[in-house]
Structure formats: C-alpha cells, structure tokens
PDB file of N, CA and C in Angstrom:
ATOM      1  N   MET A   1     -32.976 -37.204 106.296  1.00  0.00           N
ATOM      2  CA  MET A   1     -32.972 -38.635 106.050  1.00  0.00           C
ATOM      3  C   MET A   1     -31.904 -38.954 105.009  1.00  0.00           C
ATOM      4  N   PRO A   2     -31.173 -40.042 105.215  1.00  0.00           N
ATOM      5  CA  PRO A   2     -30.136 -40.399 104.249  1.00  0.00           C
ATOM      6  C   PRO A   2     -30.724 -40.976 102.956  1.00  0.00           C
ATOM      7  N   ASN A   3     -29.921 -40.930 101.902  1.00  0.00           N
ATOM      8  CA  ASN A   3     -30.283 -41.539 100.626  1.00  0.00           C
ATOM      9  C   ASN A   3     -29.726 -42.952 100.566  1.00  0.00           C
ATOM     10  N   PHE A   4     -30.478 -43.832  99.899  1.00  0.00           N
ATOM     11  CA  PHE A   4     -30.058 -45.213  99.691  1.00  0.00           C
ATOM     12  C   PHE A   4     -30.160 -45.529  98.209  1.00  0.00           C
ATOM     13  N   ILE A   5     -29.142 -46.203  97.684  1.00  0.00           N
ATOM     14  CA  ILE A   5     -29.177 -46.627  96.292  1.00  0.00           C
ATOM     15  C   ILE A   5     -29.736 -48.041  96.237  1.00  0.00           C
ATOM     16  N   ILE A   6     -30.622 -48.254  95.302  1.00  0.00           N
ATOM     17  CA  ILE A   6     -31.181 -49.570  95.009  1.00  0.00           C
ATOM     18  C   ILE A   6     -30.597 -49.958  93.661  1.00  0.00           C
ATOM     19  N   THR A   7     -29.802 -51.026  93.632  1.00  0.00           N
ATOM     20  CA  THR A   7     -29.164 -51.436  92.379  1.00  0.00           C
ATOM     21  C   THR A   7     -29.839 -52.692  91.848  1.00  0.00           C
ATOM     22  N   TYR A   8     -29.987 -52.744  90.524  1.00  0.00           N
ATOM     23  CA  TYR A   8     -30.660 -53.859  89.861  1.00  0.00           C
ATOM     24  C   TYR A   8     -29.634 -54.744  89.163  1.00  0.00           C
ATOM     25  N   HIS A   9     -29.751 -56.053  89.395  1.00  0.00           N
ATOM     26  CA  HIS A   9     -28.816 -57.025  88.827  1.00  0.00           C
ATOM     27  C   HIS A   9     -29.594 -58.186  88.217  1.00  0.00           C
ATOM     28  N   GLY A  10     -29.196 -58.591  87.005  1.00  0.00           N
ATOM     29  CA  GLY A  10     -29.830 -59.741  86.350  1.00  0.00           C
ATOM     30  C   GLY A  10     -31.259 -59.455  85.962  1.00  0.00           C
ATOM     31  N   GLY A  11     -32.077 -60.482  86.032  1.00  0.00           N
ATOM     32  CA  GLY A  11     -33.489 -60.335  85.678  1.00  0.00           C
ATOM     33  C   GLY A  11     -33.749 -60.699  84.226  1.00  0.00           C
ATOM     34  N   GLU A  12     -34.954 -61.120  83.967  1.00  0.00           N
ATOM     35  CA  GLU A  12     -35.378 -61.489  82.622  1.00  0.00           C
ATOM     36  C   GLU A  12     -36.022 -60.298  81.921  1.00  0.00           C
ATOM     37  N   ARG A  13     -35.799 -60.207  80.646  1.00  0.00           N
ATOM     38  CA  ARG A  13     -36.469 -59.169  79.851  1.00  0.00           C
ATOM     39  C   ARG A  13     -37.882 -59.652  79.514  1.00  0.00           C
ATOM     40  N   PRO A  14     -38.818 -58.734  79.355  1.00  0.00           N
ATOM     41  CA  PRO A  14     -40.173 -59.141  78.968  1.00  0.00           C
ATOM     42  C   PRO A  14     -40.153 -59.893  77.633  1.00  0.00           C
ATOM     43  N   ASN A  15     -41.031 -60.880  77.488  1.00  0.00           N
ATOM     44  CA  ASN A  15     -41.085 -61.701  76.279  1.00  0.00           C
ATOM     45  C   ASN A  15     -41.865 -61.058  75.144  1.00  0.00           C
ATOM     46  N   SER A  16     -42.601 -60.009  75.435  1.00  0.00           N
ATOM     47  CA  SER A  16     -43.417 -59.363  74.407  1.00  0.00           C
ATOM     48  C   SER A  16     -43.599 -57.895  74.769  1.00  0.00           C
ATOM     49  N   PRO A  17     -44.007 -57.092  73.797  1.00  0.00           N
ATOM     50  CA  PRO A  17     -44.297 -55.690  74.106  1.00  0.00           C
ATOM     51  C   PRO A  17     -45.390 -55.553  75.161  1.00  0.00           C
ATOM     52  N   GLU A  18     -46.356 -56.461  75.148  1.00  0.00           N
ATOM     53  CA  GLU A  18     -47.440 -56.415  76.128  1.00  0.00           C
ATOM     54  C   GLU A  18     -46.904 -56.663  77.547  1.00  0.00           C
ATOM     55  N   GLU A  19     -46.015 -57.652  77.687  1.00  0.00           N
ATOM     56  CA  GLU A  19     -45.396 -57.908  78.990  1.00  0.00           C
ATOM     57  C   GLU A  19     -44.577 -56.701  79.436  1.00  0.00           C
ATOM     58  N   GLY A  20     -43.889 -56.083  78.488  1.00  0.00           N
ATOM     59  CA  GLY A  20     -43.100 -54.889  78.802  1.00  0.00           C
ATOM     60  C   GLY A  20     -43.978 -53.757  79.304  1.00  0.00           C
ATOM     61  N   LYS A  21     -45.101 -53.540  78.650  1.00  0.00           N
ATOM     62  CA  LYS A  21     -46.030 -52.491  79.074  1.00  0.00           C
ATOM     63  C   LYS A  21     -46.621 -52.799  80.446  1.00  0.00           C
ATOM     64  N   ALA A  22     -46.944 -54.067  80.692  1.00  0.00           N
ATOM     65  CA  ALA A  22     -47.510 -54.457  81.990  1.00  0.00           C
ATOM     66  C   ALA A  22     -46.487 -54.240  83.098  1.00  0.00           C
ATOM     67  N   HIS A  23     -45.227 -54.594  82.831  1.00  0.00           N
ATOM     68  CA  HIS A  23     -44.184 -54.376  83.837  1.00  0.00           C
ATOM     69  C   HIS A  23     -43.985 -52.875  84.074  1.00  0.00           C
ATOM     70  N   MET A  24     -43.964 -52.091  83.008  1.00  0.00           N
ATOM     71  CA  MET A  24     -43.784 -50.643  83.141  1.00  0.00           C
ATOM     72  C   MET A  24     -44.904 -50.039  83.979  1.00  0.00           C
ATOM     73  N   LYS A  25     -46.128 -50.524  83.779  1.00  0.00           N
ATOM     74  CA  LYS A  25     -47.261 -50.029  84.574  1.00  0.00           C
ATOM     75  C   LYS A  25     -47.059 -50.348  86.056  1.00  0.00           C
ATOM     76  N   LYS A  26     -46.620 -51.581  86.369  1.00  0.00           N
ATOM     77  CA  LYS A  26     -46.351 -51.960  87.759  1.00  0.00           C
ATOM     78  C   LYS A  26     -45.250 -51.087  88.345  1.00  0.00           C
ATOM     79  N   TRP A  27     -44.207 -50.842  87.559  1.00  0.00           N
ATOM     80  CA  TRP A  27     -43.093 -50.016  88.038  1.00  0.00           C
ATOM     81  C   TRP A  27     -43.569 -48.590  88.315  1.00  0.00           C
ATOM     82  N   GLN A  28     -44.360 -48.010  87.401  1.00  0.00           N
ATOM     83  CA  GLN A  28     -44.875 -46.656  87.596  1.00  0.00           C
ATOM     84  C   GLN A  28     -45.751 -46.569  88.846  1.00  0.00           C
ATOM     85  N   GLU A  29     -46.573 -47.585  89.077  1.00  0.00           N
ATOM     86  CA  GLU A  29     -47.415 -47.613  90.273  1.00  0.00           C
ATOM     87  C   GLU A  29     -46.548 -47.720  91.530  1.00  0.00           C
ATOM     88  N   TRP A  30     -45.483 -48.535  91.458  1.00  0.00           N
ATOM     89  CA  TRP A  30     -44.567 -48.680  92.594  1.00  0.00           C
ATOM     90  C   TRP A  30     -43.913 -47.344  92.911  1.00  0.00           C
ATOM     91  N   VAL A  31     -43.393 -46.665  91.889  1.00  0.00           N
ATOM     92  CA  VAL A  31     -42.752 -45.361  92.095  1.00  0.00           C
ATOM     93  C   VAL A  31     -43.748 -44.382  92.710  1.00  0.00           C
ATOM     94  N   ALA A  32     -44.957 -44.330  92.195  1.00  0.00           N
ATOM     95  CA  ALA A  32     -45.978 -43.423  92.729  1.00  0.00           C
ATOM     96  C   ALA A  32     -46.283 -43.743  94.191  1.00  0.00           C
ATOM     97  N   SER A  33     -46.264 -45.030  94.549  1.00  0.00           N
ATOM     98  CA  SER A  33     -46.581 -45.416  95.930  1.00  0.00           C
ATOM     99  C   SER A  33     -45.507 -44.979  96.921  1.00  0.00           C
ATOM    100  N   LEU A  34     -44.308 -44.706  96.442  1.00  0.00           N
ATOM    101  CA  LEU A  34     -43.209 -44.299  97.320  1.00  0.00           C
ATOM    102  C   LEU A  34     -43.282 -42.827  97.716  1.00  0.00           C
ATOM    103  N   GLY A  35     -44.033 -42.037  96.967  1.00  0.00           N
ATOM    104  CA  GLY A  35     -44.221 -40.627  97.300  1.00  0.00           C
ATOM    105  C   GLY A  35     -42.918 -39.864  97.457  1.00  0.00           C
ATOM    106  N   GLU A  36     -42.784 -39.159  98.586  1.00  0.00           N
ATOM    107  CA  GLU A  36     -41.630 -38.294  98.855  1.00  0.00           C
ATOM    108  C   GLU A  36     -40.321 -39.055  99.043  1.00  0.00           C
ATOM    109  N   ALA A  37     -40.389 -40.373  99.200  1.00  0.00           N
ATOM    110  CA  ALA A  37     -39.167 -41.160  99.392  1.00  0.00           C
ATOM    111  C   ALA A  37     -38.325 -41.241  98.116  1.00  0.00           C
ATOM    112  N   VAL A  38     -38.935 -40.963  96.962  1.00  0.00           N
ATOM    113  CA  VAL A  38     -38.218 -41.083  95.689  1.00  0.00           C
ATOM    114  C   VAL A  38     -37.287 -39.890  95.480  1.00  0.00           C
ATOM    115  N   VAL A  39     -36.010 -40.190  95.286  1.00  0.00           N
ATOM    116  CA  VAL A  39     -35.021 -39.174  94.916  1.00  0.00           C
ATOM    117  C   VAL A  39     -34.752 -39.290  93.418  1.00  0.00           C
ATOM    118  N   ASN A  40     -34.548 -40.510  92.936  1.00  0.00           N
ATOM    119  CA  ASN A  40     -34.381 -40.827  91.511  1.00  0.00           C
ATOM    120  C   ASN A  40     -35.195 -42.097  91.284  1.00  0.00           C
ATOM    121  N   PRO A  41     -36.268 -42.047  90.479  1.00  0.00           N
ATOM    122  CA  PRO A  41     -37.145 -43.194  90.334  1.00  0.00           C
ATOM    123  C   PRO A  41     -36.501 -44.387  89.637  1.00  0.00           C
ATOM    124  N   GLY A  42     -35.480 -44.161  88.866  1.00  0.00           N
ATOM    125  CA  GLY A  42     -34.808 -45.270  88.192  1.00  0.00           C
ATOM    126  C   GLY A  42     -34.033 -44.805  86.991  1.00  0.00           C
ATOM    127  N   THR A  43     -32.868 -45.394  86.815  1.00  0.00           N
ATOM    128  CA  THR A  43     -32.026 -45.084  85.671  1.00  0.00           C
ATOM    129  C   THR A  43     -31.493 -46.394  85.102  1.00  0.00           C
ATOM    130  N   PRO A  44     -32.000 -46.837  83.937  1.00  0.00           N
ATOM    131  CA  PRO A  44     -31.455 -48.036  83.311  1.00  0.00           C
ATOM    132  C   PRO A  44     -30.025 -47.754  82.830  1.00  0.00           C
ATOM    133  N   LEU A  45     -29.208 -48.806  82.814  1.00  0.00           N
ATOM    134  CA  LEU A  45     -27.831 -48.675  82.354  1.00  0.00           C
ATOM    135  C   LEU A  45     -27.600 -49.558  81.137  1.00  0.00           C
ATOM    136  N   GLY A  46     -26.708 -49.114  80.266  1.00  0.00           N
ATOM    137  CA  GLY A  46     -26.346 -49.891  79.083  1.00  0.00           C
ATOM    138  C   GLY A  46     -25.246 -50.886  79.400  1.00  0.00           C
ATOM    139  N   LYS A  47     -24.570 -51.322  78.369  1.00  0.00           N
ATOM    140  CA  LYS A  47     -23.483 -52.299  78.492  1.00  0.00           C
ATOM    141  C   LYS A  47     -22.446 -51.817  79.502  1.00  0.00           C
ATOM    142  N   THR A  48     -21.961 -52.749  80.317  1.00  0.00           N
ATOM    143  CA  THR A  48     -20.990 -52.428  81.357  1.00  0.00           C
ATOM    144  C   THR A  48     -19.586 -52.824  80.930  1.00  0.00           C
ATOM    145  N   SER A  49     -18.638 -51.947  81.131  1.00  0.00           N
ATOM    146  CA  SER A  49     -17.216 -52.262  80.980  1.00  0.00           C
ATOM    147  C   SER A  49     -16.591 -52.202  82.363  1.00  0.00           C
ATOM    148  N   PHE A  50     -15.812 -53.222  82.696  1.00  0.00           N
ATOM    149  CA  PHE A  50     -15.129 -53.260  83.978  1.00  0.00           C
ATOM    150  C   PHE A  50     -13.676 -52.887  83.764  1.00  0.00           C
ATOM    151  N   VAL A  51     -13.217 -51.872  84.460  1.00  0.00           N
ATOM    152  CA  VAL A  51     -11.852 -51.378  84.323  1.00  0.00           C
ATOM    153  C   VAL A  51     -11.038 -51.901  85.497  1.00  0.00           C
ATOM    154  N   ASN A  52      -9.879 -52.478  85.183  1.00  0.00           N
ATOM    155  CA  ASN A  52      -8.969 -52.919  86.233  1.00  0.00           C
ATOM    156  C   ASN A  52      -7.557 -52.459  85.878  1.00  0.00           C
ATOM    157  N   ILE A  53      -6.604 -52.773  86.699  1.00  0.00           N
ATOM    158  CA  ILE A  53      -5.235 -52.310  86.501  1.00  0.00           C
ATOM    159  C   ILE A  53      -4.657 -52.802  85.170  1.00  0.00           C
ATOM    160  N   ASP A  54      -5.150 -53.940  84.669  1.00  0.00           N
ATOM    161  CA  ASP A  54      -4.632 -54.526  83.427  1.00  0.00           C
ATOM    162  C   ASP A  54      -5.364 -54.041  82.183  1.00  0.00           C
ATOM    163  N   GLY A  55      -6.448 -53.314  82.336  1.00  0.00           N
ATOM    164  CA  GLY A  55      -7.192 -52.840  81.171  1.00  0.00           C
ATOM    165  C   GLY A  55      -8.680 -52.878  81.402  1.00  0.00           C
ATOM    166  N   ILE A  56      -9.411 -53.323  80.362  1.00  0.00           N
ATOM    167  CA  ILE A  56     -10.871 -53.311  80.388  1.00  0.00           C
ATOM    168  C   ILE A  56     -11.402 -54.700  80.076  1.00  0.00           C
ATOM    169  N   ASP A  57     -12.394 -55.143  80.867  1.00  0.00           N
ATOM    170  CA  ASP A  57     -13.086 -56.402  80.633  1.00  0.00           C
ATOM    171  C   ASP A  57     -14.497 -56.047  80.202  1.00  0.00           C
ATOM    172  N   GLU A  58     -14.846 -56.396  78.972  1.00  0.00           N
ATOM    173  CA  GLU A  58     -16.175 -56.082  78.450  1.00  0.00           C
ATOM    174  C   GLU A  58     -17.011 -57.336  78.256  1.00  0.00           C
ATOM    175  N   SER A  59     -16.766 -58.355  79.072  1.00  0.00           N
ATOM    176  CA  SER A  59     -17.470 -59.624  78.913  1.00  0.00           C
ATOM    177  C   SER A  59     -18.946 -59.543  79.303  1.00  0.00           C
ATOM    178  N   GLY A  60     -19.350 -58.461  79.985  1.00  0.00           N
ATOM    179  CA  GLY A  60     -20.761 -58.298  80.355  1.00  0.00           C
ATOM    180  C   GLY A  60     -21.202 -59.280  81.418  1.00  0.00           C
ATOM    181  N   ALA A  61     -20.479 -59.351  82.489  1.00  0.00           N
ATOM    182  CA  ALA A  61     -20.778 -60.288  83.578  1.00  0.00           C
ATOM    183  C   ALA A  61     -22.239 -60.226  83.970  1.00  0.00           C
ATOM    184  N   ILE A  62     -22.823 -61.385  84.286  1.00  0.00           N
ATOM    185  CA  ILE A  62     -24.243 -61.467  84.646  1.00  0.00           C
ATOM    186  C   ILE A  62     -24.568 -60.657  85.890  1.00  0.00           C
ATOM    187  N   SER A  63     -23.570 -60.439  86.739  1.00  0.00           N
ATOM    188  CA  SER A  63     -23.812 -59.673  87.959  1.00  0.00           C
ATOM    189  C   SER A  63     -23.721 -58.162  87.724  1.00  0.00           C
ATOM    190  N   ALA A  64     -23.475 -57.764  86.483  1.00  0.00           N
ATOM    191  CA  ALA A  64     -23.374 -56.340  86.182  1.00  0.00           C
ATOM    192  C   ALA A  64     -24.667 -55.625  86.558  1.00  0.00           C
ATOM    193  N   MET A  65     -24.515 -54.412  87.025  1.00  0.00           N
ATOM    194  CA  MET A  65     -25.679 -53.613  87.404  1.00  0.00           C
ATOM    195  C   MET A  65     -26.395 -53.159  86.131  1.00  0.00           C
ATOM    196  N   SER A  66     -27.711 -53.380  86.073  1.00  0.00           N
ATOM    197  CA  SER A  66     -28.480 -52.986  84.893  1.00  0.00           C
ATOM    198  C   SER A  66     -29.242 -51.680  85.105  1.00  0.00           C
ATOM    199  N   GLY A  67     -29.199 -51.156  86.325  1.00  0.00           N
ATOM    200  CA  GLY A  67     -29.864 -49.894  86.606  1.00  0.00           C
ATOM    201  C   GLY A  67     -29.858 -49.611  88.094  1.00  0.00           C
ATOM    202  N   TYR A  68     -30.404 -48.444  88.440  1.00  0.00           N
ATOM    203  CA  TYR A  68     -30.467 -48.088  89.855  1.00  0.00           C
ATOM    204  C   TYR A  68     -31.584 -47.086  90.091  1.00  0.00           C
ATOM    205  N   ALA A  69     -31.962 -46.972  91.351  1.00  0.00           N
ATOM    206  CA  ALA A  69     -32.894 -45.956  91.818  1.00  0.00           C
ATOM    207  C   ALA A  69     -32.328 -45.425  93.126  1.00  0.00           C
ATOM    208  N   VAL A  70     -32.797 -44.259  93.555  1.00  0.00           N
ATOM    209  CA  VAL A  70     -32.352 -43.685  94.824  1.00  0.00           C
ATOM    210  C   VAL A  70     -33.587 -43.290  95.619  1.00  0.00           C
ATOM    211  N   VAL A  71     -33.613 -43.723  96.889  1.00  0.00           N
ATOM    212  CA  VAL A  71     -34.734 -43.399  97.779  1.00  0.00           C
ATOM    213  C   VAL A  71     -34.215 -42.825  99.083  1.00  0.00           C
ATOM    214  N   LYS A  72     -35.056 -42.069  99.750  1.00  0.00           N
ATOM    215  CA  LYS A  72     -34.773 -41.583 101.101  1.00  0.00           C
ATOM    216  C   LYS A  72     -35.435 -42.543 102.083  1.00  0.00           C
ATOM    217  N   ALA A  73     -34.710 -42.881 103.141  1.00  0.00           N
ATOM    218  CA  ALA A  73     -35.261 -43.745 104.180  1.00  0.00           C
ATOM    219  C   ALA A  73     -34.571 -43.409 105.492  1.00  0.00           C
ATOM    220  N   SER A  74     -35.207 -43.743 106.593  1.00  0.00           N
ATOM    221  CA  SER A  74     -34.634 -43.426 107.900  1.00  0.00           C
ATOM    222  C   SER A  74     -33.419 -44.294 108.213  1.00  0.00           C
ATOM    223  N   ASP A  75     -33.410 -45.528 107.685  1.00  0.00           N
ATOM    224  CA  ASP A  75     -32.285 -46.427 107.936  1.00  0.00           C
ATOM    225  C   ASP A  75     -32.290 -47.535 106.885  1.00  0.00           C
ATOM    226  N   ILE A  76     -31.274 -48.404 106.941  1.00  0.00           N
ATOM    227  CA  ILE A  76     -31.144 -49.480 105.950  1.00  0.00           C
ATOM    228  C   ILE A  76     -32.335 -50.430 105.994  1.00  0.00           C
ATOM    229  N   GLU A  77     -32.879 -50.671 107.171  1.00  0.00           N
ATOM    230  CA  GLU A  77     -34.025 -51.580 107.284  1.00  0.00           C
ATOM    231  C   GLU A  77     -35.228 -51.044 106.512  1.00  0.00           C
ATOM    232  N   GLU A  78     -35.481 -49.747 106.631  1.00  0.00           N
ATOM    233  CA  GLU A  78     -36.593 -49.143 105.881  1.00  0.00           C
ATOM    234  C   GLU A  78     -36.315 -49.186 104.382  1.00  0.00           C
ATOM    235  N   ALA A  79     -35.077 -48.935 103.972  1.00  0.00           N
ATOM    236  CA  ALA A  79     -34.714 -48.984 102.555  1.00  0.00           C
ATOM    237  C   ALA A  79     -34.889 -50.400 101.997  1.00  0.00           C
ATOM    238  N   VAL A  80     -34.528 -51.409 102.770  1.00  0.00           N
ATOM    239  CA  VAL A  80     -34.710 -52.799 102.346  1.00  0.00           C
ATOM    240  C   VAL A  80     -36.194 -53.121 102.206  1.00  0.00           C
ATOM    241  N   LYS A  81     -37.027 -52.623 103.121  1.00  0.00           N
ATOM    242  CA  LYS A  81     -38.476 -52.835 103.012  1.00  0.00           C
ATOM    243  C   LYS A  81     -38.999 -52.255 101.701  1.00  0.00           C
ATOM    244  N   ILE A  82     -38.503 -51.076 101.335  1.00  0.00           N
ATOM    245  CA  ILE A  82     -38.897 -50.462 100.062  1.00  0.00           C
ATOM    246  C   ILE A  82     -38.464 -51.355  98.910  1.00  0.00           C
ATOM    247  N   ALA A  83     -37.222 -51.819  98.933  1.00  0.00           N
ATOM    248  CA  ALA A  83     -36.695 -52.661  97.856  1.00  0.00           C
ATOM    249  C   ALA A  83     -37.477 -53.963  97.711  1.00  0.00           C
ATOM    250  N   LYS A  84     -37.942 -54.523  98.819  1.00  0.00           N
ATOM    251  CA  LYS A  84     -38.690 -55.782  98.768  1.00  0.00           C
ATOM    252  C   LYS A  84     -40.003 -55.643  98.011  1.00  0.00           C
ATOM    253  N   THR A  85     -40.508 -54.406  97.851  1.00  0.00           N
ATOM    254  CA  THR A  85     -41.763 -54.192  97.129  1.00  0.00           C
ATOM    255  C   THR A  85     -41.541 -53.855  95.662  1.00  0.00           C
ATOM    256  N   ASP A  86     -40.297 -53.780  95.229  1.00  0.00           N
ATOM    257  CA  ASP A  86     -39.960 -53.395  93.854  1.00  0.00           C
ATOM    258  C   ASP A  86     -40.389 -54.495  92.875  1.00  0.00           C
ATOM    259  N   PRO A  87     -41.148 -54.152  91.823  1.00  0.00           N
ATOM    260  CA  PRO A  87     -41.603 -55.156  90.868  1.00  0.00           C
ATOM    261  C   PRO A  87     -40.464 -55.798  90.072  1.00  0.00           C
ATOM    262  N   PHE A  88     -39.261 -55.255  90.118  1.00  0.00           N
ATOM    263  CA  PHE A  88     -38.117 -55.863  89.436  1.00  0.00           C
ATOM    264  C   PHE A  88     -37.877 -57.284  89.945  1.00  0.00           C
ATOM    265  N   LEU A  89     -38.151 -57.533  91.206  1.00  0.00           N
ATOM    266  CA  LEU A  89     -37.924 -58.860  91.774  1.00  0.00           C
ATOM    267  C   LEU A  89     -38.744 -59.934  91.054  1.00  0.00           C
ATOM    268  N   ALA A  90     -39.926 -59.581  90.556  1.00  0.00           N
ATOM    269  CA  ALA A  90     -40.775 -60.535  89.838  1.00  0.00           C
ATOM    270  C   ALA A  90     -40.162 -60.916  88.492  1.00  0.00           C
ATOM    271  N   MET A  91     -39.163 -60.194  88.041  1.00  0.00           N
ATOM    272  CA  MET A  91     -38.486 -60.496  86.779  1.00  0.00           C
ATOM    273  C   MET A  91     -37.286 -61.422  86.993  1.00  0.00           C
ATOM    274  N   GLY A  92     -37.123 -61.916  88.224  1.00  0.00           N
ATOM    275  CA  GLY A  92     -36.063 -62.866  88.502  1.00  0.00           C
ATOM    276  C   GLY A  92     -34.718 -62.244  88.816  1.00  0.00           C
ATOM    277  N   GLY A  93     -34.669 -60.944  88.971  1.00  0.00           N
ATOM    278  CA  GLY A  93     -33.413 -60.273  89.280  1.00  0.00           C
ATOM    279  C   GLY A  93     -33.186 -60.155  90.777  1.00  0.00           C
ATOM    280  N   THR A  94     -32.049 -59.602  91.113  1.00  0.00           N
ATOM    281  CA  THR A  94     -31.750 -59.316  92.510  1.00  0.00           C
ATOM    282  C   THR A  94     -31.533 -57.821  92.668  1.00  0.00           C
ATOM    283  N   ILE A  95     -31.687 -57.365  93.903  1.00  0.00           N
ATOM    284  CA  ILE A  95     -31.561 -55.942  94.206  1.00  0.00           C
ATOM    285  C   ILE A  95     -30.547 -55.775  95.327  1.00  0.00           C
ATOM    286  N   GLY A  96     -29.644 -54.821  95.150  1.00  0.00           N
ATOM    287  CA  GLY A  96     -28.729 -54.438  96.214  1.00  0.00           C
ATOM    288  C   GLY A  96     -29.217 -53.135  96.831  1.00  0.00           C
ATOM    289  N   VAL A  97     -29.007 -52.962  98.119  1.00  0.00           N
ATOM    290  CA  VAL A  97     -29.402 -51.737  98.816  1.00  0.00           C
ATOM    291  C   VAL A  97     -28.220 -51.275  99.652  1.00  0.00           C
ATOM    292  N   ALA A  98     -27.838 -50.015  99.499  1.00  0.00           N
ATOM    293  CA  ALA A  98     -26.721 -49.478 100.285  1.00  0.00           C
ATOM    294  C   ALA A  98     -26.957 -48.003 100.561  1.00  0.00           C
ATOM    295  N   GLN A  99     -26.533 -47.558 101.744  1.00  0.00           N
ATOM    296  CA  GLN A  99     -26.620 -46.139 102.065  1.00  0.00           C
ATOM    297  C   GLN A  99     -25.580 -45.390 101.246  1.00  0.00           C
ATOM    298  N   MET A 100     -25.983 -44.242 100.737  1.00  0.00           N
ATOM    299  CA  MET A 100     -25.073 -43.377  99.988  1.00  0.00           C
ATOM    300  C   MET A 100     -24.431 -42.421 100.999  1.00  0.00           C
ATOM    301  N   ILE A 101     -23.137 -42.513 101.146  1.00  0.00           N
ATOM    302  CA  ILE A 101     -22.407 -41.710 102.111  1.00  0.00           C
ATOM    303  C   ILE A 101     -21.970 -40.398 101.433  1.00  0.00           C
ATOM    304  N   GLU A 102     -22.345 -39.298 102.021  1.00  0.00           N
ATOM    305  CA  GLU A 102     -21.957 -37.996 101.481  1.00  0.00           C
ATOM    306  C   GLU A 102     -20.475 -37.754 101.745  1.00  0.00           C
ATOM    307  N   MET A 103     -19.752 -37.412 100.694  1.00  0.00           N
ATOM    308  CA  MET A 103     -18.320 -37.109 100.811  1.00  0.00           C
ATOM    309  C   MET A 103     -18.148 -35.590 100.788  1.00  0.00           C
ATOM    310  N   PRO A 104     -17.198 -35.084 101.555  1.00  0.00           N
ATOM    311  CA  PRO A 104     -16.952 -33.643 101.530  1.00  0.00           C
ATOM    312  C   PRO A 104     -16.415 -33.240 100.152  1.00  0.00           C
ATOM    313  N   SER A 105     -16.827 -32.074  99.700  1.00  0.00           N
ATOM    314  CA  SER A 105     -16.404 -31.628  98.370  1.00  0.00           C
ATOM    315  C   SER A 105     -15.027 -30.961  98.388  1.00  0.00           C
ATOM    316  N   LYS A 106     -14.503 -30.659  99.549  1.00  0.00           N
ATOM    317  CA  LYS A 106     -13.181 -30.016  99.624  1.00  0.00           C
ATOM    318  C   LYS A 106     -12.249 -30.829 100.478  1.00  0.00           C
TER     319      LYS A 106
END
C-alpha cells in the first residue's frame, strides 16, 4: 500500500491548557483508531522559511505547513477519508493529502 502525507495548514491554537489537553486526547484517540495505517502519527513544525532564487522569505505565510502525518492507504480516496476524521479540522485548519512517490536512490 502506498504512503500518503497529510499536511496541516492554519488552525487556531487552544485558548487554555485544558483545551490543549482535550485536543491532544482527541488526537491520540484518532491516531489509535487508525491502527496499522499509521506510518508517522504526526510531526509538528516550527517557524517556516521560504527559500527562493532571490533569498529567504521569513514572513511566516498563513498557508505555511504547521505539521504533517503519514498514513498507508489503498488510494487517495481512502487517504482523504482518513484525513476527514482528523480532529485538526475542528481547530479551523485545512489539511492537504498527497501520495508520497518513491524515488529511486540511484
């Protein structure tokens, strides 16, 4: 089965430690519900720098990726179904889903 990356964009931060703990509990339950489909349950990302031919843009665009997860699925439709159940969506963010294409190492 191919791997799919789930990317996290935007979203609101919890307003209190209690909200943060409640969200973390929902996320942990979501990850557990995925079982063997989980390849990487989630990796938060720090500040984003965008590199272009002219240099570096560190403006922190709102569309910057704030984290990602990797799941196994039979196809993009199944991966999207998994993403639709992600509790991150309740935080007002958006999720991108794309198949990870294996590149030859030589």
